[in-house]
Amino acid sequence: MNAKLTLTIEKSVIERAKDYAQKSGRSLSDLIQSYLERLTTPYEPREEEIPEEFNELFGSVPLTNDLNVKDEIRDIMRKKYNQ
């Protein structure tokens, strides 16, 4: 069921949003509804997002809370290319 909603938004933002909606072929109401749905729906990863061949890997490597993925990748790349 749809309901009307009154918002107070800066005029320049409204104009840019209307232009964006028109260029994307959607209504401003549709854009705002989509945004609010994404904003208020908690993300729950679905099992089908993970390739089946990776399922057996879960839990096989203990990870610490202080793991810095970027540092780990940097170290791996350094070892690989600076032998």
Protein backbone atom coordinates (compact mmCIF):
# COMPACT_ATOMS: atom_id res chain seq x y z
CA MET A 1 0.00 0.00 0.00
CA ASN A 2 1.45 3.36 -0.97
CA ALA A 3 1.22 6.41 1.26
CA LYS A 4 2.14 10.04 0.73
CA LEU A 5 5.15 11.50 2.52
CA THR A 6 6.09 15.15 2.83
CA LEU A 7 9.79 15.95 3.06
CA THR A 8 11.70 19.16 3.49
CA ILE A 9 14.80 19.06 1.32
CA GLU A 10 17.05 21.79 0.00
CA LYS A 11 15.79 23.02 -3.38
CA SER A 12 19.11 22.47 -5.20
CA VAL A 13 19.17 18.85 -4.02
CA ILE A 14 15.63 18.32 -5.27
CA GLU A 15 16.51 19.71 -8.69
CA ARG A 16 19.61 17.52 -9.00
CA ALA A 17 17.62 14.50 -7.85
CA LYS A 18 14.90 15.18 -10.42
CA ASP A 19 17.53 15.46 -13.17
CA TYR A 20 19.13 12.21 -12.04
CA ALA A 21 15.77 10.43 -11.93
CA GLN A 22 14.86 11.64 -15.41
CA LYS A 23 18.23 10.59 -16.86
CA SER A 24 17.95 7.15 -15.28
CA GLY A 25 14.37 6.69 -16.53
CA ARG A 26 12.90 6.37 -13.05
CA SER A 27 10.64 8.50 -10.92
CA LEU A 28 11.97 10.43 -7.98
CA SER A 29 9.58 8.52 -5.72
CA ASP A 30 10.98 5.22 -7.00
CA LEU A 31 14.56 6.35 -6.36
CA ILE A 32 13.77 7.47 -2.83
CA GLN A 33 11.84 4.29 -2.07
CA SER A 34 14.72 2.13 -3.35
CA TYR A 35 17.21 4.08 -1.28
CA LEU A 36 15.12 3.85 1.90
CA GLU A 37 14.60 0.11 1.38
CA ARG A 38 18.36 -0.45 1.03
CA LEU A 39 19.03 1.77 4.02
CA THR A 40 16.57 -0.02 6.31
CA THR A 41 17.03 -3.63 5.19
CA PRO A 42 19.77 -5.41 7.10
CA TYR A 43 22.32 -7.15 4.89
CA GLU A 44 22.17 -10.89 5.19
CA PRO A 45 24.61 -12.74 2.95
CA ARG A 46 22.92 -15.52 1.06
CA GLU A 47 24.61 -18.88 0.78
CA GLU A 48 24.34 -18.84 -3.01
CA GLU A 49 26.64 -15.79 -3.09
CA ILE A 50 29.54 -18.00 -2.01
CA PRO A 51 30.81 -20.48 -4.62
CA GLU A 52 30.26 -24.05 -3.45
CA GLU A 53 33.94 -24.97 -3.75
CA PHE A 54 34.75 -22.44 -1.01
CA ASN A 55 32.27 -23.80 1.55
CA GLU A 56 34.70 -26.46 2.77
CA LEU A 57 37.29 -23.76 3.55
CA PHE A 58 35.21 -22.03 6.22
CA GLY A 59 36.74 -22.56 9.64
CA SER A 60 39.91 -24.18 8.30
CA VAL A 61 42.07 -21.14 9.05
CA PRO A 62 41.83 -19.43 12.42
CA LEU A 63 41.63 -15.65 12.00
CA THR A 64 42.37 -13.12 14.69
CA ASN A 65 40.30 -10.01 15.28
CA ASP A 66 43.32 -7.80 14.62
CA LEU A 67 43.98 -9.24 11.15
CA ASN A 68 44.85 -6.50 8.66
CA VAL A 69 43.95 -7.91 5.26
CA LYS A 70 45.75 -5.16 3.34
CA ASP A 71 48.99 -5.79 5.22
CA GLU A 72 48.69 -9.53 4.65
CA ILE A 73 48.14 -9.08 0.91
CA ARG A 74 51.06 -6.67 0.74
CA ASP A 75 53.32 -9.22 2.50
CA ILE A 76 52.23 -12.01 0.17
CA MET A 77 52.86 -9.89 -2.92
CA ARG A 78 56.25 -8.78 -1.58
CA LYS A 79 57.29 -12.40 -0.97
CA LYS A 80 56.00 -13.48 -4.38
CA TYR A 81 57.71 -10.80 -6.46
CA ASN A 82 60.81 -9.96 -4.41
CA GLN A 83 62.24 -13.44 -4.01
